[in-house]
All heavy atoms as atom14 arrays in JSON, in Angstrom:
{
  "sequence": "ATWCSQPGHFVLDTNNVSKELVDALVDSGTITVSDGYVHSGYCDY",
  "atom14_mask": [
    [1, 1, 1, 1, 1, 0, 0, 0, 0, 0, 0, 0, 0, 0],
    [1, 1, 1, 1, 1, 1, 1, 0, 0, 0, 0, 0, 0, 0],
    [1, 1, 1, 1, 1, 1, 1, 1, 1, 1, 1, 1, 1, 1],
    [1, 1, 1, 1, 1, 1, 0, 0, 0, 0, 0, 0, 0, 0],
    [1, 1, 1, 1, 1, 1, 0, 0, 0, 0, 0, 0, 0, 0],
    [1, 1, 1, 1, 1, 1, 1, 1, 1, 0, 0, 0, 0, 0],
    [1, 1, 1, 1, 1, 1, 1, 0, 0, 0, 0, 0, 0, 0],
    [1, 1, 1, 1, 0, 0, 0, 0, 0, 0, 0, 0, 0, 0],
    [1, 1, 1, 1, 1, 1, 1, 1, 1, 1, 0, 0, 0, 0],
    [1, 1, 1, 1, 1, 1, 1, 1, 1, 1, 1, 0, 0, 0],
    [1, 1, 1, 1, 1, 1, 1, 0, 0, 0, 0, 0, 0, 0],
    [1, 1, 1, 1, 1, 1, 1, 1, 0, 0, 0, 0, 0, 0],
    [1, 1, 1, 1, 1, 1, 1, 1, 0, 0, 0, 0, 0, 0],
    [1, 1, 1, 1, 1, 1, 1, 0, 0, 0, 0, 0, 0, 0],
    [1, 1, 1, 1, 1, 1, 1, 1, 0, 0, 0, 0, 0, 0],
    [1, 1, 1, 1, 1, 1, 1, 1, 0, 0, 0, 0, 0, 0],
    [1, 1, 1, 1, 1, 1, 1, 0, 0, 0, 0, 0, 0, 0],
    [1, 1, 1, 1, 1, 1, 0, 0, 0, 0, 0, 0, 0, 0],
    [1, 1, 1, 1, 1, 1, 1, 1, 1, 0, 0, 0, 0, 0],
    [1, 1, 1, 1, 1, 1, 1, 1, 1, 0, 0, 0, 0, 0],
    [1, 1, 1, 1, 1, 1, 1, 1, 0, 0, 0, 0, 0, 0],
    [1, 1, 1, 1, 1, 1, 1, 0, 0, 0, 0, 0, 0, 0],
    [1, 1, 1, 1, 1, 1, 1, 1, 0, 0, 0, 0, 0, 0],
    [1, 1, 1, 1, 1, 0, 0, 0, 0, 0, 0, 0, 0, 0],
    [1, 1, 1, 1, 1, 1, 1, 1, 0, 0, 0, 0, 0, 0],
    [1, 1, 1, 1, 1, 1, 1, 0, 0, 0, 0, 0, 0, 0],
    [1, 1, 1, 1, 1, 1, 1, 1, 0, 0, 0, 0, 0, 0],
    [1, 1, 1, 1, 1, 1, 0, 0, 0, 0, 0, 0, 0, 0],
    [1, 1, 1, 1, 0, 0, 0, 0, 0, 0, 0, 0, 0, 0],
    [1, 1, 1, 1, 1, 1, 1, 0, 0, 0, 0, 0, 0, 0],
    [1, 1, 1, 1, 1, 1, 1, 1, 0, 0, 0, 0, 0, 0],
    [1, 1, 1, 1, 1, 1, 1, 0, 0, 0, 0, 0, 0, 0],
    [1, 1, 1, 1, 1, 1, 1, 0, 0, 0, 0, 0, 0, 0],
    [1, 1, 1, 1, 1, 1, 0, 0, 0, 0, 0, 0, 0, 0],
    [1, 1, 1, 1, 1, 1, 1, 1, 0, 0, 0, 0, 0, 0],
    [1, 1, 1, 1, 0, 0, 0, 0, 0, 0, 0, 0, 0, 0],
    [1, 1, 1, 1, 1, 1, 1, 1, 1, 1, 1, 1, 0, 0],
    [1, 1, 1, 1, 1, 1, 1, 0, 0, 0, 0, 0, 0, 0],
    [1, 1, 1, 1, 1, 1, 1, 1, 1, 1, 0, 0, 0, 0],
    [1, 1, 1, 1, 1, 1, 0, 0, 0, 0, 0, 0, 0, 0],
    [1, 1, 1, 1, 0, 0, 0, 0, 0, 0, 0, 0, 0, 0],
    [1, 1, 1, 1, 1, 1, 1, 1, 1, 1, 1, 1, 0, 0],
    [1, 1, 1, 1, 1, 1, 0, 0, 0, 0, 0, 0, 0, 0],
    [1, 1, 1, 1, 1, 1, 1, 1, 0, 0, 0, 0, 0, 0],
    [1, 1, 1, 1, 1, 1, 1, 1, 1, 1, 1, 1, 0, 0]
  ],
  "atom14_positions": [
    [[112.76, 102.51, 84.37], [114.17, 102.89, 84.12], [114.97, 101.74, 83.6], [115.8, 101.99, 82.71], [114.77, 103.52, 85.39], [0.0, 0.0, 0.0], [0.0, 0.0, 0.0], [0.0, 0.0, 0.0], [0.0, 0.0, 0.0], [0.0, 0.0, 0.0], [0.0, 0.0, 0.0], [0.0, 0.0, 0.0], [0.0, 0.0, 0.0], [0.0, 0.0, 0.0]],
    [[114.82, 100.6, 84.17], [115.56, 99.43, 83.68], [115.1, 99.02, 82.3], [116.03, 98.82, 81.41], [115.42, 98.23, 84.64], [115.79, 98.6, 85.98], [116.06, 97.08, 84.2], [0.0, 0.0, 0.0], [0.0, 0.0, 0.0], [0.0, 0.0, 0.0], [0.0, 0.0, 0.0], [0.0, 0.0, 0.0], [0.0, 0.0, 0.0], [0.0, 0.0, 0.0]],
    [[113.85, 98.97, 82.08], [113.32, 98.59, 80.74], [113.88, 99.68, 79.62], [114.28, 99.27, 78.64], [111.83, 98.57, 80.74], [111.29, 98.19, 79.43], [110.72, 99.08, 78.5], [111.14, 96.94, 78.84], [110.26, 98.43, 77.4], [110.49, 97.08, 77.58], [111.48, 95.64, 79.28], [110.25, 96.01, 76.66], [111.22, 94.57, 78.42], [110.6, 94.78, 77.19]],
    [[113.71, 100.9, 79.97], [114.01, 101.98, 79.02], [115.5, 102.18, 78.81], [115.93, 102.85, 77.86], [113.39, 103.28, 79.44], [111.56, 103.22, 79.37], [0.0, 0.0, 0.0], [0.0, 0.0, 0.0], [0.0, 0.0, 0.0], [0.0, 0.0, 0.0], [0.0, 0.0, 0.0], [0.0, 0.0, 0.0], [0.0, 0.0, 0.0], [0.0, 0.0, 0.0]],
    [[116.3, 101.57, 79.58], [117.82, 101.57, 79.44], [118.3, 100.81, 78.21], [119.4, 101.03, 77.82], [118.58, 101.25, 80.65], [118.39, 99.82, 80.92], [0.0, 0.0, 0.0], [0.0, 0.0, 0.0], [0.0, 0.0, 0.0], [0.0, 0.0, 0.0], [0.0, 0.0, 0.0], [0.0, 0.0, 0.0], [0.0, 0.0, 0.0], [0.0, 0.0, 0.0]],
    [[117.42, 100.0, 77.7], [117.78, 99.17, 76.5], [117.37, 99.88, 75.27], [116.27, 100.5, 75.22], [117.15, 97.81, 76.62], [117.54, 96.99, 77.86], [116.63, 95.83, 78.02], [116.71, 94.85, 77.16], [115.86, 95.71, 79.02], [0.0, 0.0, 0.0], [0.0, 0.0, 0.0], [0.0, 0.0, 0.0], [0.0, 0.0, 0.0], [0.0, 0.0, 0.0]],
    [[118.13, 99.84, 74.25], [117.82, 100.61, 72.99], [116.44, 100.09, 72.43], [116.19, 98.93, 72.3], [118.9, 100.22, 71.97], [120.08, 99.81, 72.86], [119.45, 99.24, 74.09], [0.0, 0.0, 0.0], [0.0, 0.0, 0.0], [0.0, 0.0, 0.0], [0.0, 0.0, 0.0], [0.0, 0.0, 0.0], [0.0, 0.0, 0.0], [0.0, 0.0, 0.0]],
    [[115.58, 101.12, 72.07], [114.28, 100.81, 71.44], [113.17, 100.42, 72.41], [112.1, 100.15, 72.07], [0.0, 0.0, 0.0], [0.0, 0.0, 0.0], [0.0, 0.0, 0.0], [0.0, 0.0, 0.0], [0.0, 0.0, 0.0], [0.0, 0.0, 0.0], [0.0, 0.0, 0.0], [0.0, 0.0, 0.0], [0.0, 0.0, 0.0], [0.0, 0.0, 0.0]],
    [[113.59, 100.41, 73.76], [112.5, 100.02, 74.74], [111.89, 101.27, 75.33], [112.6, 102.21, 75.65], [113.16, 99.16, 75.8], [113.54, 97.75, 75.37], [113.53, 96.73, 76.19], [113.9, 97.28, 74.13], [113.88, 95.64, 75.57], [114.1, 95.94, 74.33], [0.0, 0.0, 0.0], [0.0, 0.0, 0.0], [0.0, 0.0, 0.0], [0.0, 0.0, 0.0]],
    [[110.62, 101.28, 75.49], [109.94, 102.39, 76.13], [108.64, 101.97, 76.76], [108.21, 100.82, 76.62], [109.77, 103.5, 75.2], [108.78, 103.32, 74.05], [107.48, 103.72, 74.12], [109.23, 102.7, 72.89], [106.58, 103.52, 73.07], [108.37, 102.39, 71.83], [107.0, 102.78, 71.97], [0.0, 0.0, 0.0], [0.0, 0.0, 0.0], [0.0, 0.0, 0.0]],
    [[108.13, 102.9, 77.57], [106.82, 102.66, 78.23], [105.75, 103.4, 77.34], [105.87, 104.46, 77.07], [106.79, 103.27, 79.66], [105.46, 103.09, 80.32], [107.92, 102.65, 80.47], [0.0, 0.0, 0.0], [0.0, 0.0, 0.0], [0.0, 0.0, 0.0], [0.0, 0.0, 0.0], [0.0, 0.0, 0.0], [0.0, 0.0, 0.0], [0.0, 0.0, 0.0]],
    [[104.77, 102.59, 76.89], [103.78, 103.11, 76.0], [102.68, 103.86, 76.77], [102.08, 103.36, 77.65], [103.1, 101.91, 75.23], [102.06, 102.15, 74.16], [102.65, 103.01, 73.07], [101.5, 100.92, 73.63], [0.0, 0.0, 0.0], [0.0, 0.0, 0.0], [0.0, 0.0, 0.0], [0.0, 0.0, 0.0], [0.0, 0.0, 0.0], [0.0, 0.0, 0.0]],
    [[102.43, 105.03, 76.22], [101.43, 105.96, 76.87], [100.01, 105.57, 76.35], [99.42, 106.27, 75.57], [101.74, 107.37, 76.56], [100.86, 108.31, 77.35], [100.02, 107.9, 78.11], [100.98, 109.57, 77.13], [0.0, 0.0, 0.0], [0.0, 0.0, 0.0], [0.0, 0.0, 0.0], [0.0, 0.0, 0.0], [0.0, 0.0, 0.0], [0.0, 0.0, 0.0]],
    [[99.42, 104.5, 76.86], [98.1, 104.0, 76.45], [97.05, 105.02, 77.06], [95.9, 104.89, 76.64], [97.85, 102.6, 76.87], [98.19, 102.53, 78.28], [98.68, 101.59, 76.1], [0.0, 0.0, 0.0], [0.0, 0.0, 0.0], [0.0, 0.0, 0.0], [0.0, 0.0, 0.0], [0.0, 0.0, 0.0], [0.0, 0.0, 0.0], [0.0, 0.0, 0.0]],
    [[97.45, 105.79, 77.88], [96.49, 106.79, 78.4], [96.15, 107.83, 77.37], [95.03, 108.48, 77.36], [96.98, 107.49, 79.71], [95.96, 108.3, 80.42], [94.84, 107.86, 80.53], [96.36, 109.4, 80.9], [0.0, 0.0, 0.0], [0.0, 0.0, 0.0], [0.0, 0.0, 0.0], [0.0, 0.0, 0.0], [0.0, 0.0, 0.0], [0.0, 0.0, 0.0]],
    [[97.03, 108.14, 76.45], [96.91, 109.19, 75.44], [97.03, 108.71, 74.0], [96.95, 109.5, 73.08], [97.94, 110.31, 75.69], [97.56, 110.98, 77.01], [96.54, 111.54, 77.15], [98.56, 110.94, 77.96], [0.0, 0.0, 0.0], [0.0, 0.0, 0.0], [0.0, 0.0, 0.0], [0.0, 0.0, 0.0], [0.0, 0.0, 0.0], [0.0, 0.0, 0.0]],
    [[97.43, 107.45, 73.8], [97.58, 106.85, 72.42], [96.4, 105.89, 72.2], [96.2, 104.97, 73.06], [98.94, 106.09, 72.31], [99.05, 105.51, 71.0], [100.03, 107.14, 72.55], [0.0, 0.0, 0.0], [0.0, 0.0, 0.0], [0.0, 0.0, 0.0], [0.0, 0.0, 0.0], [0.0, 0.0, 0.0], [0.0, 0.0, 0.0], [0.0, 0.0, 0.0]],
    [[95.68, 106.0, 71.09], [94.52, 105.17, 70.86], [94.9, 103.75, 70.64], [95.98, 103.38, 70.15], [93.76, 105.71, 69.64], [94.44, 105.53, 68.44], [0.0, 0.0, 0.0], [0.0, 0.0, 0.0], [0.0, 0.0, 0.0], [0.0, 0.0, 0.0], [0.0, 0.0, 0.0], [0.0, 0.0, 0.0], [0.0, 0.0, 0.0], [0.0, 0.0, 0.0]],
    [[93.97, 102.86, 70.93], [94.09, 101.47, 70.7], [94.38, 101.2, 69.11], [95.16, 100.36, 68.72], [92.96, 100.61, 71.14], [93.0, 99.16, 70.8], [91.71, 98.44, 71.16], [91.75, 96.95, 70.87], [92.37, 96.59, 69.63], [0.0, 0.0, 0.0], [0.0, 0.0, 0.0], [0.0, 0.0, 0.0], [0.0, 0.0, 0.0], [0.0, 0.0, 0.0]],
    [[93.7, 102.04, 68.36], [93.84, 101.84, 66.88], [95.22, 102.11, 66.4], [95.79, 101.43, 65.51], [92.78, 102.68, 66.16], [91.37, 102.28, 66.27], [90.8, 102.71, 67.63], [91.35, 103.56, 68.33], [89.73, 102.17, 67.99], [0.0, 0.0, 0.0], [0.0, 0.0, 0.0], [0.0, 0.0, 0.0], [0.0, 0.0, 0.0], [0.0, 0.0, 0.0]],
    [[95.83, 103.15, 66.93], [97.27, 103.54, 66.7], [98.17, 102.4, 67.18], [99.09, 101.89, 66.46], [97.64, 104.91, 67.21], [99.07, 105.29, 66.89], [99.43, 105.18, 65.49], [99.31, 106.74, 67.56], [0.0, 0.0, 0.0], [0.0, 0.0, 0.0], [0.0, 0.0, 0.0], [0.0, 0.0, 0.0], [0.0, 0.0, 0.0], [0.0, 0.0, 0.0]],
    [[97.98, 101.93, 68.35], [98.8, 100.84, 68.85], [98.59, 99.61, 67.92], [99.71, 98.99, 67.63], [98.31, 100.51, 70.36], [99.16, 99.17, 70.8], [98.68, 101.63, 71.25], [0.0, 0.0, 0.0], [0.0, 0.0, 0.0], [0.0, 0.0, 0.0], [0.0, 0.0, 0.0], [0.0, 0.0, 0.0], [0.0, 0.0, 0.0], [0.0, 0.0, 0.0]],
    [[97.41, 99.33, 67.55], [97.27, 98.19, 66.6], [97.96, 98.32, 65.3], [98.57, 97.39, 64.89], [95.68, 97.95, 66.36], [94.99, 97.42, 67.57], [95.62, 96.94, 68.55], [93.72, 97.44, 67.57], [0.0, 0.0, 0.0], [0.0, 0.0, 0.0], [0.0, 0.0, 0.0], [0.0, 0.0, 0.0], [0.0, 0.0, 0.0], [0.0, 0.0, 0.0]],
    [[97.91, 99.61, 64.8], [98.61, 99.85, 63.51], [100.09, 99.7, 63.75], [100.82, 99.13, 62.8], [98.28, 101.31, 63.02], [0.0, 0.0, 0.0], [0.0, 0.0, 0.0], [0.0, 0.0, 0.0], [0.0, 0.0, 0.0], [0.0, 0.0, 0.0], [0.0, 0.0, 0.0], [0.0, 0.0, 0.0], [0.0, 0.0, 0.0], [0.0, 0.0, 0.0]],
    [[100.67, 100.08, 64.83], [102.09, 99.91, 65.1], [102.53, 98.47, 65.27], [103.59, 98.15, 64.78], [102.48, 100.77, 66.35], [102.32, 102.31, 66.21], [102.41, 102.99, 67.52], [103.47, 102.86, 65.28], [0.0, 0.0, 0.0], [0.0, 0.0, 0.0], [0.0, 0.0, 0.0], [0.0, 0.0, 0.0], [0.0, 0.0, 0.0], [0.0, 0.0, 0.0]],
    [[101.67, 97.71, 65.93], [101.92, 96.28, 66.15], [101.79, 95.58, 64.79], [102.73, 94.78, 64.44], [100.98, 95.78, 67.2], [101.0, 94.17, 67.21], [101.28, 96.24, 68.59], [0.0, 0.0, 0.0], [0.0, 0.0, 0.0], [0.0, 0.0, 0.0], [0.0, 0.0, 0.0], [0.0, 0.0, 0.0], [0.0, 0.0, 0.0], [0.0, 0.0, 0.0]],
    [[100.74, 95.85, 64.04], [100.49, 95.15, 62.83], [101.65, 95.47, 61.77], [101.92, 94.62, 60.97], [99.12, 95.61, 62.19], [98.0, 95.01, 62.98], [98.16, 94.17, 63.86], [96.85, 95.58, 62.73], [0.0, 0.0, 0.0], [0.0, 0.0, 0.0], [0.0, 0.0, 0.0], [0.0, 0.0, 0.0], [0.0, 0.0, 0.0], [0.0, 0.0, 0.0]],
    [[102.19, 96.67, 61.87], [103.26, 96.98, 60.87], [104.66, 96.42, 61.37], [105.62, 96.6, 60.72], [103.35, 98.57, 60.74], [103.81, 99.09, 61.91], [0.0, 0.0, 0.0], [0.0, 0.0, 0.0], [0.0, 0.0, 0.0], [0.0, 0.0, 0.0], [0.0, 0.0, 0.0], [0.0, 0.0, 0.0], [0.0, 0.0, 0.0], [0.0, 0.0, 0.0]],
    [[104.64, 95.86, 62.58], [105.99, 95.38, 63.12], [106.78, 96.42, 63.71], [107.97, 96.2, 63.99], [0.0, 0.0, 0.0], [0.0, 0.0, 0.0], [0.0, 0.0, 0.0], [0.0, 0.0, 0.0], [0.0, 0.0, 0.0], [0.0, 0.0, 0.0], [0.0, 0.0, 0.0], [0.0, 0.0, 0.0], [0.0, 0.0, 0.0], [0.0, 0.0, 0.0]],
    [[106.23, 97.64, 63.91], [106.96, 98.78, 64.47], [107.25, 98.63, 65.9], [108.31, 98.99, 66.39], [106.28, 100.09, 64.21], [106.04, 100.17, 62.79], [107.02, 101.32, 64.68], [0.0, 0.0, 0.0], [0.0, 0.0, 0.0], [0.0, 0.0, 0.0], [0.0, 0.0, 0.0], [0.0, 0.0, 0.0], [0.0, 0.0, 0.0], [0.0, 0.0, 0.0]],
    [[106.34, 98.06, 66.72], [106.48, 97.76, 68.09], [106.02, 96.38, 68.41], [105.17, 95.78, 67.68], [105.69, 98.8, 68.99], [104.22, 98.71, 68.89], [106.25, 100.24, 68.82], [103.39, 99.49, 69.9], [0.0, 0.0, 0.0], [0.0, 0.0, 0.0], [0.0, 0.0, 0.0], [0.0, 0.0, 0.0], [0.0, 0.0, 0.0], [0.0, 0.0, 0.0]],
    [[106.61, 95.83, 69.53], [106.12, 94.57, 70.02], [105.84, 94.96, 71.5], [106.58, 95.58, 72.19], [107.11, 93.47, 70.04], [108.38, 93.84, 70.65], [107.39, 93.05, 68.58], [0.0, 0.0, 0.0], [0.0, 0.0, 0.0], [0.0, 0.0, 0.0], [0.0, 0.0, 0.0], [0.0, 0.0, 0.0], [0.0, 0.0, 0.0], [0.0, 0.0, 0.0]],
    [[104.65, 94.44, 71.99], [104.16, 94.66, 73.32], [104.62, 93.47, 74.2], [104.24, 92.34, 73.93], [102.7, 94.89, 73.38], [102.23, 95.19, 74.75], [102.29, 96.04, 72.4], [0.0, 0.0, 0.0], [0.0, 0.0, 0.0], [0.0, 0.0, 0.0], [0.0, 0.0, 0.0], [0.0, 0.0, 0.0], [0.0, 0.0, 0.0], [0.0, 0.0, 0.0]],
    [[105.31, 93.8, 75.29], [105.71, 92.73, 76.2], [104.63, 92.4, 77.14], [103.57, 93.04, 77.12], [106.95, 93.17, 76.99], [106.55, 94.06, 77.98], [0.0, 0.0, 0.0], [0.0, 0.0, 0.0], [0.0, 0.0, 0.0], [0.0, 0.0, 0.0], [0.0, 0.0, 0.0], [0.0, 0.0, 0.0], [0.0, 0.0, 0.0], [0.0, 0.0, 0.0]],
    [[104.81, 91.44, 78.02], [103.83, 91.1, 79.01], [104.02, 92.07, 80.29], [103.1, 91.96, 81.12], [104.04, 89.66, 79.51], [103.65, 88.69, 78.4], [102.84, 89.07, 77.54], [104.25, 87.5, 78.39], [0.0, 0.0, 0.0], [0.0, 0.0, 0.0], [0.0, 0.0, 0.0], [0.0, 0.0, 0.0], [0.0, 0.0, 0.0], [0.0, 0.0, 0.0]],
    [[105.02, 92.84, 80.31], [105.22, 93.64, 81.47], [104.42, 95.03, 81.4], [104.2, 95.49, 80.39], [0.0, 0.0, 0.0], [0.0, 0.0, 0.0], [0.0, 0.0, 0.0], [0.0, 0.0, 0.0], [0.0, 0.0, 0.0], [0.0, 0.0, 0.0], [0.0, 0.0, 0.0], [0.0, 0.0, 0.0], [0.0, 0.0, 0.0], [0.0, 0.0, 0.0]],
    [[104.22, 95.51, 82.61], [103.49, 96.79, 82.81], [104.13, 97.61, 83.86], [104.77, 96.93, 84.77], [102.08, 96.5, 83.11], [101.19, 96.15, 82.09], [101.1, 94.82, 81.67], [100.45, 96.95, 81.3], [100.3, 94.36, 80.6], [99.61, 96.55, 80.22], [99.58, 95.26, 79.93], [98.8, 94.84, 78.85], [0.0, 0.0, 0.0], [0.0, 0.0, 0.0]],
    [[103.96, 98.89, 83.78], [104.35, 99.84, 84.85], [103.14, 100.52, 85.37], [102.32, 101.01, 84.5], [105.45, 100.81, 84.45], [105.72, 101.83, 85.43], [106.71, 100.08, 83.97], [0.0, 0.0, 0.0], [0.0, 0.0, 0.0], [0.0, 0.0, 0.0], [0.0, 0.0, 0.0], [0.0, 0.0, 0.0], [0.0, 0.0, 0.0], [0.0, 0.0, 0.0]],
    [[102.91, 100.64, 86.59], [101.79, 101.3, 87.17], [102.16, 102.63, 87.61], [103.17, 102.9, 88.29], [101.17, 100.58, 88.33], [99.96, 101.22, 88.9], [98.74, 101.12, 88.34], [99.73, 101.99, 89.97], [97.87, 101.71, 89.05], [98.48, 102.33, 90.04], [0.0, 0.0, 0.0], [0.0, 0.0, 0.0], [0.0, 0.0, 0.0], [0.0, 0.0, 0.0]],
    [[101.37, 103.66, 87.22], [101.6, 105.09, 87.56], [100.33, 105.74, 87.62], [99.51, 105.74, 86.63], [102.55, 105.75, 86.49], [102.77, 107.07, 86.98], [0.0, 0.0, 0.0], [0.0, 0.0, 0.0], [0.0, 0.0, 0.0], [0.0, 0.0, 0.0], [0.0, 0.0, 0.0], [0.0, 0.0, 0.0], [0.0, 0.0, 0.0], [0.0, 0.0, 0.0]],
    [[100.03, 106.42, 88.77], [98.73, 107.1, 88.85], [97.54, 106.09, 88.74], [97.6, 105.08, 89.45], [0.0, 0.0, 0.0], [0.0, 0.0, 0.0], [0.0, 0.0, 0.0], [0.0, 0.0, 0.0], [0.0, 0.0, 0.0], [0.0, 0.0, 0.0], [0.0, 0.0, 0.0], [0.0, 0.0, 0.0], [0.0, 0.0, 0.0], [0.0, 0.0, 0.0]],
    [[96.64, 106.37, 87.88], [95.48, 105.46, 87.69], [95.76, 104.52, 86.47], [94.78, 103.83, 86.09], [94.23, 106.26, 87.4], [93.83, 107.08, 88.66], [94.0, 108.51, 88.67], [93.31, 106.55, 89.75], [93.65, 109.25, 89.78], [92.86, 107.28, 90.83], [93.13, 108.63, 90.86], [92.8, 109.32, 91.94], [0.0, 0.0, 0.0], [0.0, 0.0, 0.0]],
    [[96.91, 104.57, 85.91], [97.13, 103.79, 84.63], [98.16, 102.66, 84.81], [99.09, 102.84, 85.59], [97.55, 104.68, 83.55], [96.41, 105.98, 83.14], [0.0, 0.0, 0.0], [0.0, 0.0, 0.0], [0.0, 0.0, 0.0], [0.0, 0.0, 0.0], [0.0, 0.0, 0.0], [0.0, 0.0, 0.0], [0.0, 0.0, 0.0], [0.0, 0.0, 0.0]],
    [[97.93, 101.61, 84.04], [98.99, 100.66, 83.81], [99.4, 100.78, 82.44], [98.7, 100.64, 81.35], [98.4, 99.19, 84.02], [98.08, 98.86, 85.46], [98.83, 99.3, 86.34], [97.04, 98.24, 85.7], [0.0, 0.0, 0.0], [0.0, 0.0, 0.0], [0.0, 0.0, 0.0], [0.0, 0.0, 0.0], [0.0, 0.0, 0.0], [0.0, 0.0, 0.0]],
    [[100.8, 101.03, 82.31], [101.4, 101.32, 80.99], [102.2, 100.13, 80.53], [103.04, 99.6, 81.3], [102.34, 102.5, 81.09], [101.66, 103.74, 81.4], [101.79, 104.32, 82.67], [100.82, 104.47, 80.45], [101.22, 105.56, 82.94], [100.31, 105.64, 80.82], [100.36, 106.15, 82.02], [99.84, 107.41, 82.33], [0.0, 0.0, 0.0], [0.0, 0.0, 0.0]]
  ]
}
């Protein structure tokens, strides 16, 4: 909630989004991945 309160910040759904798509988004400069994670269920997002 704290992270997402800032414009453009969100929790990435790596449980349903492929690594290849994440790589394409990073390579195009569309997203930057921080060092932070949120744990929910069996996943770290």
